[in-house]
PDB file of N, CA and C in Angstrom:
ATOM      1  N   MET A   1       0.587  -1.474  -0.099  1.00  0.00           N
ATOM      2  CA  MET A   1       0.079  -0.128   0.057  1.00  0.00           C
ATOM      3  C   MET A   1       1.114   1.247  -0.175  1.00  0.00           C
ATOM      4  N   ALA A   2       1.945   1.303   0.445  1.00  0.00           N
ATOM      5  CA  ALA A   2       2.818   2.357   0.810  1.00  0.00           C
ATOM      6  C   ALA A   2       3.235   2.810  -0.296  1.00  0.00           C
ATOM      7  N   SER A   3       3.878   1.423  -1.245  1.00  0.00           N
ATOM      8  CA  SER A   3       4.671   2.123  -2.699  1.00  0.00           C
ATOM      9  C   SER A   3       3.273   2.256  -3.659  1.00  0.00           C
ATOM     10  N   LEU A   4       2.349   2.167  -3.174  1.00  0.00           N
ATOM     11  CA  LEU A   4       1.233   2.888  -4.117  1.00  0.00           C
ATOM     12  C   LEU A   4       0.607   4.279  -4.081  1.00  0.00           C
ATOM     13  N   ALA A   5       0.915   4.397  -2.362  1.00  0.00           N
ATOM     14  CA  ALA A   5       0.668   5.837  -2.511  1.00  0.00           C
ATOM     15  C   ALA A   5       2.143   6.454  -2.333  1.00  0.00           C
ATOM     16  N   GLY A   6       2.980   6.068  -2.406  1.00  0.00           N
ATOM     17  CA  GLY A   6       4.131   6.868  -2.323  1.00  0.00           C
ATOM     18  C   GLY A   6       4.490   7.641  -3.984  1.00  0.00           C
ATOM     19  N   HIS A   7       4.133   5.817  -4.824  1.00  0.00           N
ATOM     20  CA  HIS A   7       4.224   6.403  -6.270  1.00  0.00           C
ATOM     21  C   HIS A   7       3.290   7.645  -6.679  1.00  0.00           C
ATOM     22  N   TRP A   8       2.315   8.300  -6.366  1.00  0.00           N
ATOM     23  CA  TRP A   8       1.709   9.043  -6.390  1.00  0.00           C
ATOM     24  C   TRP A   8       2.262  10.644  -5.795  1.00  0.00           C
ATOM     25  N   THR A   9       3.056  10.620  -5.012  1.00  0.00           N
ATOM     26  CA  THR A   9       3.392  11.223  -4.218  1.00  0.00           C
ATOM     27  C   THR A   9       5.082  11.740  -5.257  1.00  0.00           C
ATOM     28  N   LEU A  10       5.098  10.722  -5.508  1.00  0.00           N
ATOM     29  CA  LEU A  10       6.969  11.092  -6.045  1.00  0.00           C
ATOM     30  C   LEU A  10       6.477  10.975  -7.876  1.00  0.00           C
ATOM     31  N   ARG A  11       6.044  10.427  -8.284  1.00  0.00           N
ATOM     32  CA  ARG A  11       5.754  10.205  -9.686  1.00  0.00           C
ATOM     33  C   ARG A  11       4.079  11.376 -10.785  1.00  0.00           C
ATOM     34  N   GLY A  12       3.393  11.986  -9.408  1.00  0.00           N
ATOM     35  CA  GLY A  12       2.230  12.507  -9.489  1.00  0.00           C
ATOM     36  C   GLY A  12       1.113  11.699 -10.453  1.00  0.00           C
ATOM     37  N   CYS A  13       1.109  10.158 -10.814  1.00  0.00           N
ATOM     38  CA  CYS A  13       0.215   9.367 -10.801  1.00  0.00           C
ATOM     39  C   CYS A  13       0.443   8.073 -10.313  1.00  0.00           C
ATOM     40  N   GLY A  14      -0.499   6.794 -10.538  1.00  0.00           N
ATOM     41  CA  GLY A  14      -0.411   5.915 -10.004  1.00  0.00           C
ATOM     42  C   GLY A  14      -1.897   4.506 -10.474  1.00  0.00           C
ATOM     43  N   TYR A  15      -2.044   3.940  -9.437  1.00  0.00           N
ATOM     44  CA  TYR A  15      -3.345   3.226  -9.367  1.00  0.00           C
ATOM     45  C   TYR A  15      -5.073   3.783  -8.569  1.00  0.00           C
ATOM     46  N   TRP A  16      -5.885   3.609 -10.106  1.00  0.00           N
ATOM     47  CA  TRP A  16      -7.381   4.092  -9.288  1.00  0.00           C
ATOM     48  C   TRP A  16      -7.988   2.786  -8.661  1.00  0.00           C
ATOM     49  N   ALA A  17      -8.883   2.859  -8.162  1.00  0.00           N
ATOM     50  CA  ALA A  17      -9.842   2.089  -7.263  1.00  0.00           C
ATOM     51  C   ALA A  17     -10.303   1.574  -8.701  1.00  0.00           C
ATOM     52  N   VAL A  18     -11.197   0.600  -9.220  1.00  0.00           N
ATOM     53  CA  VAL A  18     -12.356   0.531  -9.951  1.00  0.00           C
ATOM     54  C   VAL A  18     -13.577   0.084  -9.498  1.00  0.00           C
ATOM     55  N   GLU A  19     -14.657   0.991  -9.310  1.00  0.00           N
ATOM     56  CA  GLU A  19     -16.187   0.449  -8.924  1.00  0.00           C
ATOM     57  C   GLU A  19     -16.875   0.354  -9.686  1.00  0.00           C
ATOM     58  N   GLU A  20     -17.613  -0.746  -9.330  1.00  0.00           N
ATOM     59  CA  GLU A  20     -18.759  -1.002 -10.356  1.00  0.00           C
ATOM     60  C   GLU A  20     -20.051   0.208  -9.861  1.00  0.00           C
ATOM     61  N   ARG A  21     -20.265   1.087 -11.197  1.00  0.00           N
ATOM     62  CA  ARG A  21     -20.818   2.061 -11.028  1.00  0.00           C
ATOM     63  C   ARG A  21     -22.352   2.180 -10.237  1.00  0.00           C
ATOM     64  N   GLN A  22     -23.062   0.930 -10.033  1.00  0.00           N
ATOM     65  CA  GLN A  22     -24.481   0.666  -9.748  1.00  0.00           C
ATOM     66  C   GLN A  22     -24.327  -0.008  -7.942  1.00  0.00           C
ATOM     67  N   THR A  23     -22.907  -0.314  -7.556  1.00  0.00           N
ATOM     68  CA  THR A  23     -22.567  -0.939  -6.896  1.00  0.00           C
ATOM     69  C   THR A  23     -21.743  -0.293  -5.487  1.00  0.00           C
ATOM     70  N   GLY A  24     -21.203   0.086  -6.219  1.00  0.00           N
ATOM     71  CA  GLY A  24     -19.733   0.771  -5.390  1.00  0.00           C
ATOM     72  C   GLY A  24     -19.255  -0.400  -5.000  1.00  0.00           C
ATOM     73  N   HIS A  25     -18.828  -1.746  -5.812  1.00  0.00           N
ATOM     74  CA  HIS A  25     -18.203  -2.724  -5.099  1.00  0.00           C
ATOM     75  C   HIS A  25     -17.173  -2.465  -6.295  1.00  0.00           C
ATOM     76  N   PHE A  26     -15.766  -2.963  -5.455  1.00  0.00           N
ATOM     77  CA  PHE A  26     -14.454  -2.495  -5.614  1.00  0.00           C
ATOM     78  C   PHE A  26     -13.982  -3.980  -6.800  1.00  0.00           C
ATOM     79  N   VAL A  27     -13.900  -3.184  -7.707  1.00  0.00           N
ATOM     80  CA  VAL A  27     -13.923  -4.567  -9.371  1.00  0.00           C
ATOM     81  C   VAL A  27     -12.611  -4.710  -8.999  1.00  0.00           C
ATOM     82  N   GLY A  28     -11.238  -3.933  -9.503  1.00  0.00           N
ATOM     83  CA  GLY A  28     -10.006  -4.069  -9.604  1.00  0.00           C
ATOM     84  C   GLY A  28      -9.626  -2.670  -9.676  1.00  0.00           C
ATOM     85  N   GLY A  29      -8.454  -2.258 -10.368  1.00  0.00           N
ATOM     86  CA  GLY A  29      -7.053  -1.065 -10.418  1.00  0.00           C
ATOM     87  C   GLY A  29      -6.395  -0.947 -11.628  1.00  0.00           C
ATOM     88  N   VAL A  30      -6.397   0.470 -12.085  1.00  0.00           N
ATOM     89  CA  VAL A  30      -6.456   0.574 -13.512  1.00  0.00           C
ATOM     90  C   VAL A  30      -5.266   1.620 -13.199  1.00  0.00           C
ATOM     91  N   GLY A  31      -3.845   1.962 -13.772  1.00  0.00           N
ATOM     92  CA  GLY A  31      -3.268   2.597 -13.583  1.00  0.00           C
ATOM     93  C   GLY A  31      -2.248   3.153 -14.238  1.00  0.00           C
ATOM     94  N   LEU A  32      -1.373   4.084 -13.719  1.00  0.00           N
ATOM     95  CA  LEU A  32      -0.205   4.329 -14.244  1.00  0.00           C
ATOM     96  C   LEU A  32       0.972   4.478 -13.646  1.00  0.00           C
ATOM     97  N   TRP A  33       2.206   3.434 -14.377  1.00  0.00           N
ATOM     98  CA  TRP A  33       2.883   3.038 -13.247  1.00  0.00           C
ATOM     99  C   TRP A  33       4.481   3.572 -13.742  1.00  0.00           C
ATOM    100  N   SER A  34       5.659   3.815 -12.933  1.00  0.00           N
ATOM    101  CA  SER A  34       6.833   3.947 -13.533  1.00  0.00           C
ATOM    102  C   SER A  34       7.569   3.959 -12.049  1.00  0.00           C
ATOM    103  N   PRO A  35       7.640   2.783 -11.218  1.00  0.00           N
ATOM    104  CA  PRO A  35       8.667   3.134 -10.556  1.00  0.00           C
ATOM    105  C   PRO A  35      10.318   3.375 -10.900  1.00  0.00           C
ATOM    106  N   GLU A  36      11.432   3.292  -9.335  1.00  0.00           N
ATOM    107  CA  GLU A  36      12.763   3.485 -10.038  1.00  0.00           C
ATOM    108  C   GLU A  36      13.074   2.386 -10.962  1.00  0.00           C
ATOM    109  N   GLY A  37      13.402   2.645 -12.347  1.00  0.00           N
ATOM    110  CA  GLY A  37      13.887   1.499 -12.716  1.00  0.00           C
ATOM    111  C   GLY A  37      12.962   0.949 -13.860  1.00  0.00           C
ATOM    112  N   TRP A  38      12.227   1.294 -14.150  1.00  0.00           N
ATOM    113  CA  TRP A  38      11.344   0.503 -15.014  1.00  0.00           C
ATOM    114  C   TRP A  38      11.573   1.340 -16.318  1.00  0.00           C
ATOM    115  N   PRO A  39      12.113   0.731 -17.573  1.00  0.00           N
ATOM    116  CA  PRO A  39      11.810   1.215 -18.660  1.00  0.00           C
ATOM    117  C   PRO A  39      11.304   2.732 -19.072  1.00  0.00           C
ATOM    118  N   GLU A  40       9.822   2.498 -19.068  1.00  0.00           N
ATOM    119  CA  GLU A  40       9.067   3.855 -19.913  1.00  0.00           C
ATOM    120  C   GLU A  40       7.555   3.641 -18.622  1.00  0.00           C
ATOM    121  N   LEU A  41       6.636   4.548 -18.839  1.00  0.00           N
ATOM    122  CA  LEU A  41       5.473   4.448 -18.396  1.00  0.00           C
ATOM    123  C   LEU A  41       4.503   3.263 -18.660  1.00  0.00           C
ATOM    124  N   GLU A  42       4.369   3.125 -17.190  1.00  0.00           N
ATOM    125  CA  GLU A  42       3.262   1.906 -18.141  1.00  0.00           C
ATOM    126  C   GLU A  42       1.739   1.713 -17.873  1.00  0.00           C
ATOM    127  N   LEU A  43       0.896   1.486 -18.390  1.00  0.00           N
ATOM    128  CA  LEU A  43      -0.477   1.501 -18.495  1.00  0.00           C
ATOM    129  C   LEU A  43      -0.635   0.108 -17.904  1.00  0.00           C
ATOM    130  N   GLY A  44      -1.358  -0.019 -16.463  1.00  0.00           N
ATOM    131  CA  GLY A  44      -1.456  -1.136 -16.153  1.00  0.00           C
ATOM    132  C   GLY A  44      -2.786  -1.313 -15.487  1.00  0.00           C
ATOM    133  N   TYR A  45      -3.563  -2.964 -15.658  1.00  0.00           N
ATOM    134  CA  TYR A  45      -4.871  -3.150 -15.029  1.00  0.00           C
ATOM    135  C   TYR A  45      -4.634  -4.190 -14.776  1.00  0.00           C
ATOM    136  N   TRP A  46      -5.867  -4.303 -13.860  1.00  0.00           N
ATOM    137  CA  TRP A  46      -6.282  -6.041 -13.474  1.00  0.00           C
ATOM    138  C   TRP A  46      -7.787  -5.963 -12.880  1.00  0.00           C
ATOM    139  N   ILE A  47      -8.529  -6.676 -13.308  1.00  0.00           N
ATOM    140  CA  ILE A  47      -9.992  -6.556 -12.944  1.00  0.00           C
ATOM    141  C   ILE A  47     -10.342  -7.907 -11.907  1.00  0.00           C
ATOM    142  N   VAL A  48     -10.756  -8.482 -10.591  1.00  0.00           N
ATOM    143  CA  VAL A  48     -10.833  -9.409 -10.166  1.00  0.00           C
ATOM    144  C   VAL A  48     -11.560 -10.531 -11.630  1.00  0.00           C
ATOM    145  N   PRO A  49     -11.465 -11.732 -11.340  1.00  0.00           N
ATOM    146  CA  PRO A  49     -11.845 -12.710 -12.479  1.00  0.00           C
ATOM    147  C   PRO A  49     -13.174 -12.868 -12.342  1.00  0.00           C
ATOM    148  N   ALA A  50     -14.045 -13.017 -11.235  1.00  0.00           N
ATOM    149  CA  ALA A  50     -15.487 -12.786 -12.110  1.00  0.00           C
ATOM    150  C   ALA A  50     -15.972 -11.887 -12.614  1.00  0.00           C
ATOM    151  N   ILE A  51     -15.606 -10.714 -12.501  1.00  0.00           N
ATOM    152  CA  ILE A  51     -15.900  -9.563 -13.289  1.00  0.00           C
ATOM    153  C   ILE A  51     -15.623  -9.010 -14.716  1.00  0.00           C
ATOM    154  N   GLN A  52     -14.748 -10.114 -14.449  1.00  0.00           N
ATOM    155  CA  GLN A  52     -13.800  -9.618 -16.291  1.00  0.00           C
ATOM    156  C   GLN A  52     -14.896  -9.926 -17.280  1.00  0.00           C
ATOM    157  N   GLY A  53     -14.717  -9.070 -18.028  1.00  0.00           N
ATOM    158  CA  GLY A  53     -14.671  -9.282 -19.504  1.00  0.00           C
ATOM    159  C   GLY A  53     -16.139  -8.262 -19.512  1.00  0.00           C
ATOM    160  N   LYS A  54     -16.509  -7.394 -18.733  1.00  0.00           N
ATOM    161  CA  LYS A  54     -17.695  -6.613 -18.387  1.00  0.00           C
ATOM    162  C   LYS A  54     -17.689  -5.189 -19.170  1.00  0.00           C
ATOM    163  N   GLY A  55     -16.705  -4.757 -19.308  1.00  0.00           N
ATOM    164  CA  GLY A  55     -15.743  -3.501 -19.694  1.00  0.00           C
ATOM    165  C   GLY A  55     -15.188  -2.590 -18.862  1.00  0.00           C
ATOM    166  N   TYR A  56     -15.310  -3.001 -17.613  1.00  0.00           N
ATOM    167  CA  TYR A  56     -14.637  -2.394 -16.334  1.00  0.00           C
ATOM    168  C   TYR A  56     -12.600  -1.902 -16.994  1.00  0.00           C
ATOM    169  N   ALA A  57     -12.193  -2.598 -17.197  1.00  0.00           N
ATOM    170  CA  ALA A  57     -10.677  -2.921 -17.476  1.00  0.00           C
ATOM    171  C   ALA A  57     -11.083  -1.652 -18.815  1.00  0.00           C
ATOM    172  N   SER A  58     -11.554  -1.995 -19.839  1.00  0.00           N
ATOM    173  CA  SER A  58     -11.425  -1.088 -20.953  1.00  0.00           C
ATOM    174  C   SER A  58     -11.269   0.068 -20.991  1.00  0.00           C
ATOM    175  N   GLU A  59     -12.824   0.560 -20.487  1.00  0.00           N
ATOM    176  CA  GLU A  59     -13.016   1.769 -20.053  1.00  0.00           C
ATOM    177  C   GLU A  59     -12.358   2.754 -18.834  1.00  0.00           C
ATOM    178  N   ALA A  60     -12.004   2.304 -18.308  1.00  0.00           N
ATOM    179  CA  ALA A  60     -10.765   2.438 -16.977  1.00  0.00           C
ATOM    180  C   ALA A  60      -9.616   2.836 -17.788  1.00  0.00           C
ATOM    181  N   ALA A  61      -9.432   1.586 -18.673  1.00  0.00           N
ATOM    182  CA  ALA A  61      -7.962   1.734 -18.706  1.00  0.00           C
ATOM    183  C   ALA A  61      -7.382   2.981 -20.305  1.00  0.00           C
ATOM    184  N   ALA A  62      -8.695   3.280 -20.939  1.00  0.00           N
ATOM    185  CA  ALA A  62      -8.920   4.292 -22.348  1.00  0.00           C
ATOM    186  C   ALA A  62      -9.002   5.415 -21.536  1.00  0.00           C
ATOM    187  N   ARG A  63      -9.450   5.860 -20.063  1.00  0.00           N
ATOM    188  CA  ARG A  63      -9.447   7.015 -19.769  1.00  0.00           C
ATOM    189  C   ARG A  63      -7.686   7.227 -18.667  1.00  0.00           C
ATOM    190  N   ALA A  64      -7.576   6.265 -18.106  1.00  0.00           N
ATOM    191  CA  ALA A  64      -5.483   6.306 -17.585  1.00  0.00           C
ATOM    192  C   ALA A  64      -4.801   7.002 -19.086  1.00  0.00           C
ATOM    193  N   ARG A  65      -5.133   6.309 -20.327  1.00  0.00           N
ATOM    194  CA  ARG A  65      -3.903   6.184 -21.228  1.00  0.00           C
ATOM    195  C   ARG A  65      -4.660   7.951 -21.316  1.00  0.00           C
ATOM    196  N   ASP A  66      -5.712   8.317 -21.852  1.00  0.00           N
ATOM    197  CA  ASP A  66      -5.987   9.605 -22.395  1.00  0.00           C
ATOM    198  C   ASP A  66      -5.480  10.419 -21.165  1.00  0.00           C
ATOM    199  N   TYR A  67      -5.547  10.283 -20.200  1.00  0.00           N
ATOM    200  CA  TYR A  67      -5.086  10.810 -18.648  1.00  0.00           C
ATOM    201  C   TYR A  67      -3.163  11.021 -18.681  1.00  0.00           C
ATOM    202  N   ALA A  68      -2.481  10.026 -19.302  1.00  0.00           N
ATOM    203  CA  ALA A  68      -1.299  10.207 -19.211  1.00  0.00           C
ATOM    204  C   ALA A  68      -0.778  11.121 -20.177  1.00  0.00           C
ATOM    205  N   PHE A  69      -1.073  10.529 -21.432  1.00  0.00           N
ATOM    206  CA  PHE A  69      -0.927  12.014 -22.568  1.00  0.00           C
ATOM    207  C   PHE A  69      -1.911  13.327 -22.949  1.00  0.00           C
ATOM    208  N   GLY A  70      -2.485  13.292 -22.077  1.00  0.00           N
ATOM    209  CA  GLY A  70      -2.941  14.688 -21.761  1.00  0.00           C
ATOM    210  C   GLY A  70      -2.596  15.272 -20.616  1.00  0.00           C
ATOM    211  N   ALA A  71      -2.953  15.225 -19.086  1.00  0.00           N
ATOM    212  CA  ALA A  71      -2.949  15.968 -18.112  1.00  0.00           C
ATOM    213  C   ALA A  71      -1.418  15.832 -17.398  1.00  0.00           C
ATOM    214  N   LEU A  72      -0.461  14.268 -17.794  1.00  0.00           N
ATOM    215  CA  LEU A  72       0.632  14.619 -17.833  1.00  0.00           C
ATOM    216  C   LEU A  72       1.524  14.515 -18.555  1.00  0.00           C
ATOM    217  N   GLY A  73       0.703  14.541 -20.138  1.00  0.00           N
ATOM    218  CA  GLY A  73       1.758  15.289 -21.133  1.00  0.00           C
ATOM    219  C   GLY A  73       2.923  14.456 -21.821  1.00  0.00           C
ATOM    220  N   ALA A  74       2.528  12.882 -20.911  1.00  0.00           N
ATOM    221  CA  ALA A  74       3.304  11.730 -21.404  1.00  0.00           C
ATOM    222  C   ALA A  74       3.696  11.714 -22.906  1.00  0.00           C
ATOM    223  N   GLU A  75       5.244  11.444 -23.143  1.00  0.00           N
ATOM    224  CA  GLU A  75       5.604  10.876 -24.409  1.00  0.00           C
ATOM    225  C   GLU A  75       5.436   9.919 -25.272  1.00  0.00           C
ATOM    226  N   THR A  76       5.565   8.810 -24.526  1.00  0.00           N
ATOM    227  CA  THR A  76       5.217   7.189 -24.903  1.00  0.00           C
ATOM    228  C   THR A  76       4.078   6.895 -23.499  1.00  0.00           C
ATOM    229  N   LEU A  77       3.995   5.348 -24.009  1.00  0.00           N
ATOM    230  CA  LEU A  77       2.944   4.742 -23.062  1.00  0.00           C
ATOM    231  C   LEU A  77       2.666   3.386 -23.851  1.00  0.00           C
ATOM    232  N   VAL A  78       3.010   2.420 -22.691  1.00  0.00           N
ATOM    233  CA  VAL A  78       3.391   1.268 -22.783  1.00  0.00           C
ATOM    234  C   VAL A  78       2.636   0.141 -21.959  1.00  0.00           C
ATOM    235  N   SER A  79       2.511  -1.009 -22.279  1.00  0.00           N
ATOM    236  CA  SER A  79       1.814  -1.924 -20.902  1.00  0.00           C
ATOM    237  C   SER A  79       3.003  -3.253 -21.360  1.00  0.00           C
ATOM    238  N   TYR A  80       3.492  -3.688 -20.029  1.00  0.00           N
ATOM    239  CA  TYR A  80       4.276  -4.857 -20.357  1.00  0.00           C
ATOM    240  C   TYR A  80       3.136  -5.705 -19.898  1.00  0.00           C
ATOM    241  N   ILE A  81       3.067  -7.073 -20.744  1.00  0.00           N
ATOM    242  CA  ILE A  81       2.128  -7.705 -20.282  1.00  0.00           C
ATOM    243  C   ILE A  81       2.775  -9.207 -20.947  1.00  0.00           C
ATOM    244  N   HIS A  82       2.707  -9.711 -19.821  1.00  0.00           N
ATOM    245  CA  HIS A  82       3.253 -11.755 -19.677  1.00  0.00           C
ATOM    246  C   HIS A  82       2.725 -12.107 -21.205  1.00  0.00           C
ATOM    247  N   PRO A  83       3.824 -12.768 -21.726  1.00  0.00           N
ATOM    248  CA  PRO A  83       3.148 -13.306 -23.576  1.00  0.00           C
ATOM    249  C   PRO A  83       2.145 -14.328 -23.426  1.00  0.00           C
ATOM    250  N   ASP A  84       2.041 -14.916 -22.355  1.00  0.00           N
ATOM    251  CA  ASP A  84       0.837 -15.948 -21.749  1.00  0.00           C
ATOM    252  C   ASP A  84      -1.013 -15.360 -21.679  1.00  0.00           C
ATOM    253  N   ASN A  85      -0.775 -13.694 -21.480  1.00  0.00           N
ATOM    254  CA  ASN A  85      -2.056 -13.399 -20.619  1.00  0.00           C
ATOM    255  C   ASN A  85      -2.283 -12.566 -21.662  1.00  0.00           C
ATOM    256  N   GLN A  86      -3.468 -13.340 -23.185  1.00  0.00           N
ATOM    257  CA  GLN A  86      -4.024 -12.852 -24.034  1.00  0.00           C
ATOM    258  C   GLN A  86      -5.253 -11.728 -23.584  1.00  0.00           C
ATOM    259  N   PRO A  87      -6.226 -12.324 -22.618  1.00  0.00           N
ATOM    260  CA  PRO A  87      -6.832 -11.175 -22.415  1.00  0.00           C
ATOM    261  C   PRO A  87      -6.779  -9.610 -22.464  1.00  0.00           C
ATOM    262  N   SER A  88      -5.179  -9.934 -21.595  1.00  0.00           N
ATOM    263  CA  SER A  88      -4.426  -8.305 -21.852  1.00  0.00           C
ATOM    264  C   SER A  88      -3.945  -7.673 -22.632  1.00  0.00           C
ATOM    265  N   ILE A  89      -3.378  -8.635 -23.645  1.00  0.00           N
ATOM    266  CA  ILE A  89      -2.975  -8.287 -25.336  1.00  0.00           C
ATOM    267  C   ILE A  89      -3.931  -7.876 -25.952  1.00  0.00           C
ATOM    268  N   GLY A  90      -4.982  -8.553 -26.012  1.00  0.00           N
ATOM    269  CA  GLY A  90      -5.982  -8.179 -26.774  1.00  0.00           C
ATOM    270  C   GLY A  90      -7.050  -6.317 -26.083  1.00  0.00           C
ATOM    271  N   LEU A  91      -6.835  -6.697 -24.844  1.00  0.00           N
ATOM    272  CA  LEU A  91      -7.334  -5.122 -24.173  1.00  0.00           C
ATOM    273  C   LEU A  91      -6.612  -4.198 -24.680  1.00  0.00           C
ATOM    274  N   ALA A  92      -4.932  -4.200 -24.628  1.00  0.00           N
ATOM    275  CA  ALA A  92      -4.310  -3.263 -25.274  1.00  0.00           C
ATOM    276  C   ALA A  92      -4.217  -3.024 -26.552  1.00  0.00           C
ATOM    277  N   GLU A  93      -4.946  -4.351 -27.627  1.00  0.00           N
ATOM    278  CA  GLU A  93      -4.551  -3.639 -28.746  1.00  0.00           C
ATOM    279  C   GLU A  93      -6.215  -2.973 -29.247  1.00  0.00           C
ATOM    280  N   ARG A  94      -6.760  -3.384 -28.705  1.00  0.00           N
ATOM    281  CA  ARG A  94      -8.447  -2.824 -28.497  1.00  0.00           C
ATOM    282  C   ARG A  94      -7.945  -1.197 -28.451  1.00  0.00           C
ATOM    283  N   LEU A  95      -7.512  -0.652 -27.105  1.00  0.00           N
ATOM    284  CA  LEU A  95      -7.046   0.542 -26.555  1.00  0.00           C
ATOM    285  C   LEU A  95      -5.561   1.217 -28.341  1.00  0.00           C
ATOM    286  N   GLY A  96      -5.790   0.609 -28.943  1.00  0.00           N
ATOM    287  CA  GLY A  96      -4.246   1.123 -29.872  1.00  0.00           C
ATOM    288  C   GLY A  96      -2.902   0.641 -29.898  1.00  0.00           C
ATOM    289  N   ALA A  97      -2.864  -0.152 -28.460  1.00  0.00           N
ATOM    290  CA  ALA A  97      -1.106  -0.412 -28.638  1.00  0.00           C
ATOM    291  C   ALA A  97      -1.102  -1.173 -29.447  1.00  0.00           C
ATOM    292  N   ARG A  98       0.490  -1.609 -30.097  1.00  0.00           N
ATOM    293  CA  ARG A  98       1.063  -2.455 -31.057  1.00  0.00           C
ATOM    294  C   ARG A  98       1.879  -2.879 -30.655  1.00  0.00           C
ATOM    295  N   HIS A  99       2.283  -3.958 -30.412  1.00  0.00           N
ATOM    296  CA  HIS A  99       3.283  -4.677 -29.849  1.00  0.00           C
ATOM    297  C   HIS A  99       4.531  -4.453 -30.659  1.00  0.00           C
ATOM    298  N   ASP A 100       5.604  -4.256 -29.436  1.00  0.00           N
ATOM    299  CA  ASP A 100       6.813  -3.401 -30.168  1.00  0.00           C
ATOM    300  C   ASP A 100       7.908  -4.163 -29.301  1.00  0.00           C
ATOM    301  N   GLY A 101       7.873  -5.658 -29.517  1.00  0.00           N
ATOM    302  CA  GLY A 101       9.258  -6.347 -29.078  1.00  0.00           C
ATOM    303  C   GLY A 101       8.907  -6.926 -27.625  1.00  0.00           C
ATOM    304  N   MET A 102      10.253  -7.339 -26.847  1.00  0.00           N
ATOM    305  CA  MET A 102      10.057  -7.636 -25.604  1.00  0.00           C
ATOM    306  C   MET A 102      11.181  -7.093 -24.460  1.00  0.00           C
ATOM    307  N   VAL A 103      10.480  -7.268 -23.482  1.00  0.00           N
ATOM    308  CA  VAL A 103      11.452  -6.384 -22.236  1.00  0.00           C
ATOM    309  C   VAL A 103      11.930  -7.350 -20.745  1.00  0.00           C
ATOM    310  N   GLU A 104      13.048  -7.758 -20.259  1.00  0.00           N
ATOM    311  CA  GLU A 104      13.197  -8.341 -19.606  1.00  0.00           C
ATOM    312  C   GLU A 104      12.911  -7.142 -18.334  1.00  0.00           C
ATOM    313  N   LEU A 105      11.692  -7.865 -17.271  1.00  0.00           N
ATOM    314  CA  LEU A 105      11.618  -7.105 -16.331  1.00  0.00           C
ATOM    315  C   LEU A 105      11.794  -7.387 -15.246  1.00  0.00           C
ATOM    316  N   GLY A 106      13.246  -7.565 -15.309  1.00  0.00           N
ATOM    317  CA  GLY A 106      14.095  -7.757 -13.554  1.00  0.00           C
ATOM    318  C   GLY A 106      13.304  -9.111 -13.075  1.00  0.00           C
ATOM    319  N   THR A 107      12.835  -9.602 -11.654  1.00  0.00           N
ATOM    320  CA  THR A 107      12.236 -10.535 -11.008  1.00  0.00           C
ATOM    321  C   THR A 107      10.494 -10.808 -11.731  1.00  0.00           C
ATOM    322  N   HIS A 108      10.505 -10.155 -12.597  1.00  0.00           N
ATOM    323  CA  HIS A 108       8.807 -10.446 -13.611  1.00  0.00           C
ATOM    324  C   HIS A 108       9.528 -11.562 -14.486  1.00  0.00           C
ATOM    325  N   GLY A 109      10.681 -11.547 -15.328  1.00  0.00           N
ATOM    326  CA  GLY A 109      10.870 -11.969 -16.583  1.00  0.00           C
ATOM    327  C   GLY A 109      10.332 -11.147 -17.856  1.00  0.00           C
ATOM    328  N   PRO A 110      10.636 -12.188 -18.770  1.00  0.00           N
ATOM    329  CA  PRO A 110       9.956 -11.763 -20.419  1.00  0.00           C
ATOM    330  C   PRO A 110       8.636 -10.741 -19.900  1.00  0.00           C
ATOM    331  N   HIS A 111       8.885  -9.625 -21.183  1.00  0.00           N
ATOM    332  CA  HIS A 111       7.031  -9.550 -20.805  1.00  0.00           C
ATOM    333  C   HIS A 111       7.192  -8.690 -22.634  1.00  0.00           C
ATOM    334  N   CYS A 112       6.097  -8.774 -23.136  1.00  0.00           N
ATOM    335  CA  CYS A 112       5.859  -8.207 -24.665  1.00  0.00           C
ATOM    336  C   CYS A 112       5.794  -7.106 -23.749  1.00  0.00           C
ATOM    337  N   VAL A 113       6.291  -5.843 -24.916  1.00  0.00           N
ATOM    338  CA  VAL A 113       5.827  -4.293 -24.783  1.00  0.00           C
ATOM    339  C   VAL A 113       4.539  -4.150 -26.000  1.00  0.00           C
ATOM    340  N   TYR A 114       3.608  -3.301 -25.371  1.00  0.00           N
ATOM    341  CA  TYR A 114       2.661  -3.014 -26.455  1.00  0.00           C
ATOM    342  C   TYR A 114       2.612  -1.574 -26.064  1.00  0.00           C
ATOM    343  N   ARG A 115       2.970  -0.318 -27.248  1.00  0.00           N
ATOM    344  CA  ARG A 115       3.069   0.577 -27.439  1.00  0.00           C
ATOM    345  C   ARG A 115       1.613   1.430 -27.455  1.00  0.00           C
ATOM    346  N   TYR A 116       1.276   2.764 -27.283  1.00  0.00           N
ATOM    347  CA  TYR A 116       0.173   3.008 -27.618  1.00  0.00           C
ATOM    348  C   TYR A 116       0.479   4.141 -27.954  1.00  0.00           C
ATOM    349  N   PRO A 117      -0.117   4.785 -29.211  1.00  0.00           N
ATOM    350  CA  PRO A 117       0.223   5.604 -30.116  1.00  0.00           C
ATOM    351  C   PRO A 117       0.004   6.608 -29.437  1.00  0.00           C
ATOM    352  N   ASN A 118       0.378   7.932 -28.835  1.00  0.00           N
ATOM    353  CA  ASN A 118       0.584   9.221 -29.118  1.00  0.00           C
ATOM    354  C   ASN A 118      -0.122   9.930 -29.475  1.00  0.00           C
ATOM    355  N   PRO A 119      -1.045  10.541 -29.442  1.00  0.00           N
ATOM    356  CA  PRO A 119      -2.126  11.387 -30.280  1.00  0.00           C
ATOM    357  C   PRO A 119      -1.477  12.786 -30.388  1.00  0.00           C
ATOM    358  N   VAL A 120      -0.874  13.236 -29.618  1.00  0.00           N
ATOM    359  CA  VAL A 120      -0.226  14.936 -30.129  1.00  0.00           C
ATOM    360  C   VAL A 120       0.985  14.912 -30.475  1.00  0.00           C
ATOM    361  N   ALA A 121       1.635  13.347 -30.751  1.00  0.00           N
ATOM    362  CA  ALA A 121       3.326  13.541 -31.090  1.00  0.00           C
ATOM    363  C   ALA A 121       3.297  13.878 -32.530  1.00  0.00           C
ATOM    364  N   PRO A 122       4.326  14.512 -33.359  1.00  0.00           N
ATOM    365  CA  PRO A 122       4.214  14.782 -34.711  1.00  0.00           C
ATOM    366  C   PRO A 122       4.637  13.522 -35.525  1.00  0.00           C
TER     367      PRO A 122
END
């Protein structure tokens, strides 16, 4: 919890809780992550398994992507996704990201890099 709160203080961004509108129930987290040593600003998302497939991650991740490029003025934005995580790859692609190689993320191992197009880049 401290690393998530500290990330907001140090980096000006982090994860948001995702809630179901009708009930206010917590269903997951979506946000921007760039801890010390991380290659680039990352858009990450996770939704509780019982709620997956209902569009929560898609809606929240699109808003986080727009926040990164708009409010934060990010020049680049990626999602680092384990090669076996097809649902996350599908979501990144629906949000406009394209596969851009692989990266070794320390103890997390090899991950696919999915790069989002910057709407304001020349």
